[in-house]
Amino acid sequence: MLLSAAWCEIDLCRLGRAQELVDELAATVRKGEMLPLQLDARLVYGRILLASGQFMNAAFVLKEVHERARNAQLTVLAETSRALWAETSWHLRDRVKCKEMFQSALLGLRATGSKVAIADACAARARVMAASRRDLFKPVAELLDSGRLPAVALERFLADGAWQRQRGDRSAMAKAYRDAAMALNRIASGLNDTDRAALRVHPGPAASGEGCSEP
């Protein structure tokens, strides 16, 4: 529950609260116990560092999670951390490494059959590559169309807006951002007043790859 709450706080860009939940989890689980839970908590921590712009520290943490999860044969965790590590590498201007890691992460996740994890990896890739590539969400298009992952669907609309802006198609860009606004409203309708207010301040990571910011 603490981990799920921490991921939700990251979606709302309340990074301080997400960190508090990770710290609470660390104080609850003893060292050496429940390795998957510990690595998942470290993954959240790496995501917090990434979202807050601490790219070198994020790369160190996410690399550690990837290697430990791979050695423990925790494939979903290993490849999810690799995808976030790839996103971090883009910010560190290692673009070749970034693309290679995204490719490896998505191939690894497809082998697991975890559509949710694939969608998260696609979102990470879109946050940094949306302006240069389209159809970044093609592996999970059917899942997103079903409405089961509204936050990732919002990322897809933002990514499409960034792509259309790069192409100079103002009409298509405006439509993509209208679709994003509608997706945001659907998400907000299911939240309480406090969470809704947080979402309005930080509607989600911009597709330009600048972390938690207003689009």
Protein backbone atom coordinates (compact mmCIF):
# COMPACT_ATOMS: atom_id res chain seq x y z
CA MET A 1 0.00 0.00 0.00
CA LEU A 2 2.86 2.37 0.79
CA LEU A 3 4.45 1.70 -2.59
CA SER A 4 1.17 2.17 -4.46
CA ALA A 5 0.58 5.44 -2.63
CA ALA A 6 4.12 6.60 -3.45
CA TRP A 7 3.59 5.97 -7.18
CA CYS A 8 0.32 7.91 -7.01
CA GLU A 9 2.10 10.83 -5.36
CA ILE A 10 4.66 10.82 -8.17
CA ASP A 11 1.83 10.99 -10.73
CA LEU A 12 0.61 14.10 -8.87
CA CYS A 13 4.20 15.44 -8.76
CA ARG A 14 4.12 15.57 -4.97
CA LEU A 15 7.66 14.30 -4.75
CA GLY A 16 8.17 15.22 -1.10
CA ARG A 17 5.20 13.13 -0.03
CA ALA A 18 6.38 10.25 -2.24
CA GLN A 19 9.77 10.41 -0.52
CA GLU A 20 8.10 10.31 2.91
CA LEU A 21 6.28 7.11 1.94
CA VAL A 22 9.49 5.51 0.65
CA ASP A 23 11.24 6.43 3.91
CA GLU A 24 8.36 4.94 5.90
CA LEU A 25 8.64 1.72 3.91
CA ALA A 26 12.39 1.58 4.46
CA ALA A 27 11.82 1.89 8.21
CA THR A 28 9.25 -0.91 8.10
CA VAL A 29 11.12 -3.56 6.10
CA ARG A 30 14.29 -4.99 7.61
CA LYS A 31 17.49 -5.10 5.63
CA GLY A 32 17.79 -8.35 3.68
CA GLU A 33 14.06 -9.10 3.82
CA MET A 34 11.55 -8.99 0.97
CA LEU A 35 13.99 -8.16 -1.82
CA PRO A 36 11.30 -7.41 -4.47
CA LEU A 37 9.68 -4.88 -2.14
CA GLN A 38 13.01 -3.25 -1.34
CA LEU A 39 13.96 -2.98 -5.00
CA ASP A 40 10.55 -1.58 -5.88
CA ALA A 41 11.04 1.07 -3.20
CA ARG A 42 14.45 1.91 -4.67
CA LEU A 43 12.83 2.15 -8.08
CA VAL A 44 10.39 4.72 -6.70
CA TYR A 45 13.32 6.61 -5.19
CA GLY A 46 15.10 6.63 -8.54
CA ARG A 47 11.94 7.96 -10.19
CA ILE A 48 11.77 10.74 -7.59
CA LEU A 49 15.36 11.72 -8.33
CA LEU A 50 14.66 11.67 -12.06
CA ALA A 51 11.53 13.81 -11.72
CA SER A 52 13.37 16.32 -9.54
CA GLY A 53 16.20 16.73 -12.05
CA GLN A 54 18.92 14.92 -10.07
CA PHE A 55 19.97 12.92 -13.10
CA MET A 56 23.37 11.65 -11.99
CA ASN A 57 21.97 10.34 -8.70
CA ALA A 58 18.97 8.89 -10.49
CA ALA A 59 21.23 7.03 -12.94
CA PHE A 60 23.22 5.53 -10.04
CA VAL A 61 20.10 4.31 -8.23
CA LEU A 62 18.32 2.98 -11.31
CA LYS A 63 21.43 1.16 -12.52
CA GLU A 64 21.71 -0.47 -9.10
CA VAL A 65 18.06 -1.57 -9.16
CA HIS A 66 18.42 -2.94 -12.68
CA GLU A 67 21.48 -5.02 -11.84
CA ARG A 68 20.15 -6.40 -8.56
CA ALA A 69 16.75 -7.21 -10.05
CA ARG A 70 18.35 -8.90 -13.05
CA ASN A 71 20.55 -11.04 -10.79
CA ALA A 72 17.47 -12.01 -8.79
CA GLN A 73 15.58 -12.83 -12.02
CA LEU A 74 12.97 -10.18 -11.27
CA THR A 75 12.51 -9.34 -14.93
CA VAL A 76 9.72 -6.77 -14.73
CA LEU A 77 11.57 -4.77 -12.10
CA ALA A 78 14.86 -5.08 -13.99
CA GLU A 79 13.46 -3.88 -17.30
CA THR A 80 11.28 -1.15 -15.77
CA SER A 81 14.32 0.27 -14.02
CA ARG A 82 16.26 -0.01 -17.28
CA ALA A 83 13.60 2.07 -19.04
CA LEU A 84 13.81 4.80 -16.40
CA TRP A 85 17.60 4.60 -16.54
CA ALA A 86 17.33 5.12 -20.29
CA GLU A 87 15.20 8.21 -19.71
CA THR A 88 17.87 9.49 -17.32
CA SER A 89 20.60 8.83 -19.92
CA TRP A 90 18.76 11.08 -22.37
CA HIS A 91 18.95 13.95 -19.89
CA LEU A 92 22.65 13.19 -19.41
CA ARG A 93 23.01 13.55 -23.21
CA ASP A 94 23.99 9.95 -23.84
CA ARG A 95 21.42 9.57 -26.61
CA VAL A 96 22.85 6.44 -28.23
CA LYS A 97 22.89 4.59 -24.92
CA CYS A 98 19.38 5.83 -24.19
CA LYS A 99 17.91 4.41 -27.40
CA GLU A 100 19.69 1.08 -26.95
CA MET A 101 18.43 0.71 -23.38
CA PHE A 102 14.86 1.56 -24.32
CA GLN A 103 14.96 -1.08 -27.04
CA SER A 104 16.33 -3.70 -24.64
CA ALA A 105 13.85 -2.78 -21.90
CA LEU A 106 10.84 -3.03 -24.19
CA LEU A 107 12.00 -6.34 -25.64
CA GLY A 108 12.50 -7.71 -22.13
CA LEU A 109 9.11 -6.50 -20.95
CA ARG A 110 7.31 -7.93 -23.97
CA ALA A 111 8.71 -11.32 -23.04
CA THR A 112 7.06 -11.01 -19.62
CA GLY A 113 3.65 -10.16 -21.06
CA SER A 114 3.18 -7.32 -18.53
CA LYS A 115 1.19 -4.75 -20.52
CA VAL A 116 1.16 -2.26 -17.65
CA ALA A 117 4.96 -2.35 -17.35
CA ILE A 118 5.27 -1.98 -21.14
CA ALA A 119 2.97 1.04 -21.00
CA ASP A 120 5.11 2.64 -18.29
CA ALA A 121 8.24 2.06 -20.39
CA CYS A 122 6.54 3.59 -23.43
CA ALA A 123 5.63 6.62 -21.33
CA ALA A 124 9.24 7.00 -20.17
CA ARG A 125 10.42 6.86 -23.77
CA ALA A 126 7.80 9.37 -24.89
CA ARG A 127 8.81 11.87 -22.23
CA VAL A 128 12.17 12.34 -23.94
CA MET A 129 11.66 11.24 -27.56
CA ALA A 130 8.15 12.42 -28.45
CA ALA A 131 9.33 15.28 -30.65
CA SER A 132 11.47 12.98 -32.79
CA ARG A 133 9.34 9.84 -33.10
CA ARG A 134 5.67 8.95 -33.39
CA ASP A 135 3.78 5.77 -32.47
CA LEU A 136 5.80 5.39 -29.29
CA PHE A 137 2.74 3.86 -27.62
CA LYS A 138 1.96 1.41 -30.41
CA PRO A 139 2.78 -1.69 -28.28
CA VAL A 140 -0.01 -0.77 -25.84
CA ALA A 141 -2.40 1.19 -28.08
CA GLU A 142 -5.25 -1.29 -27.57
CA LEU A 143 -4.83 -1.20 -23.79
CA LEU A 144 -4.85 2.61 -23.72
CA ASP A 145 -7.89 2.78 -26.01
CA SER A 146 -9.75 0.59 -23.50
CA GLY A 147 -9.44 3.33 -20.88
CA ARG A 148 -7.71 1.13 -18.30
CA LEU A 149 -4.62 3.34 -17.92
CA PRO A 150 -5.85 6.95 -18.00
CA ALA A 151 -2.60 8.48 -16.73
CA VAL A 152 -0.58 6.80 -19.50
CA ALA A 153 -3.25 7.73 -22.04
CA LEU A 154 -2.72 11.35 -20.99
CA GLU A 155 1.01 10.91 -21.65
CA ARG A 156 0.18 9.61 -25.13
CA PHE A 157 -1.85 12.72 -25.98
CA LEU A 158 0.93 14.99 -24.70
CA ALA A 159 3.47 13.06 -26.75
CA ASP A 160 1.34 13.43 -29.87
CA GLY A 161 1.07 17.15 -29.20
CA ALA A 162 4.85 17.42 -28.99
CA TRP A 163 5.22 15.50 -32.25
CA GLN A 164 2.70 17.69 -34.08
CA ARG A 165 4.31 20.85 -32.68
CA GLN A 166 7.68 19.71 -34.02
CA ARG A 167 6.08 19.14 -37.44
CA GLY A 168 4.46 22.58 -37.36
CA ASP A 169 0.93 21.20 -37.68
CA ARG A 170 -0.89 23.61 -35.36
CA SER A 171 -4.32 22.12 -36.00
CA ALA A 172 -3.25 18.57 -35.12
CA MET A 173 -1.27 19.89 -32.15
CA ALA A 174 -4.33 21.73 -30.82
CA LYS A 175 -6.45 18.57 -31.17
CA ALA A 176 -3.87 16.50 -29.29
CA TYR A 177 -3.80 18.97 -26.42
CA ARG A 178 -7.63 19.14 -26.36
CA ASP A 179 -7.65 15.35 -26.05
CA ALA A 180 -5.09 15.67 -23.25
CA ALA A 181 -7.30 18.20 -21.45
CA MET A 182 -10.29 15.87 -21.71
CA ALA A 183 -8.21 12.97 -20.37
CA LEU A 184 -7.05 15.17 -17.50
CA ASN A 185 -10.64 16.09 -16.67
CA ARG A 186 -11.66 12.44 -16.61
CA ILE A 187 -8.85 11.66 -14.17
CA ALA A 188 -9.67 14.67 -12.00
CA SER A 189 -13.33 13.70 -11.73
CA GLY A 190 -12.37 10.65 -9.68
CA LEU A 191 -10.16 12.49 -7.19
CA ASN A 192 -10.86 14.29 -3.94
CA ASP A 193 -10.52 18.08 -3.75
CA THR A 194 -6.93 18.01 -2.46
CA ASP A 195 -5.67 15.61 -5.11
CA ARG A 196 -7.63 17.41 -7.82
CA ALA A 197 -5.96 20.67 -6.87
CA ALA A 198 -2.52 19.02 -7.00
CA LEU A 199 -3.28 17.60 -10.43
CA ARG A 200 -4.30 21.02 -11.73
CA VAL A 201 -0.99 22.53 -10.58
CA HIS A 202 1.09 19.65 -12.00
CA PRO A 203 -0.97 17.90 -14.72
CA GLY A 204 1.77 15.36 -15.40
CA PRO A 205 5.21 15.07 -16.93
CA ALA A 206 5.36 17.08 -20.13
CA ALA A 207 6.11 15.18 -23.29
CA SER A 208 9.12 17.42 -23.86
CA GLY A 209 10.98 15.45 -21.20
CA GLU A 210 11.33 18.27 -18.70
CA GLY A 211 9.94 16.30 -15.79
CA CYS A 212 7.09 17.44 -13.58
CA SER A 213 5.92 20.72 -15.00
CA GLU A 214 2.89 22.40 -16.47
CA PRO A 215 2.38 21.62 -20.17
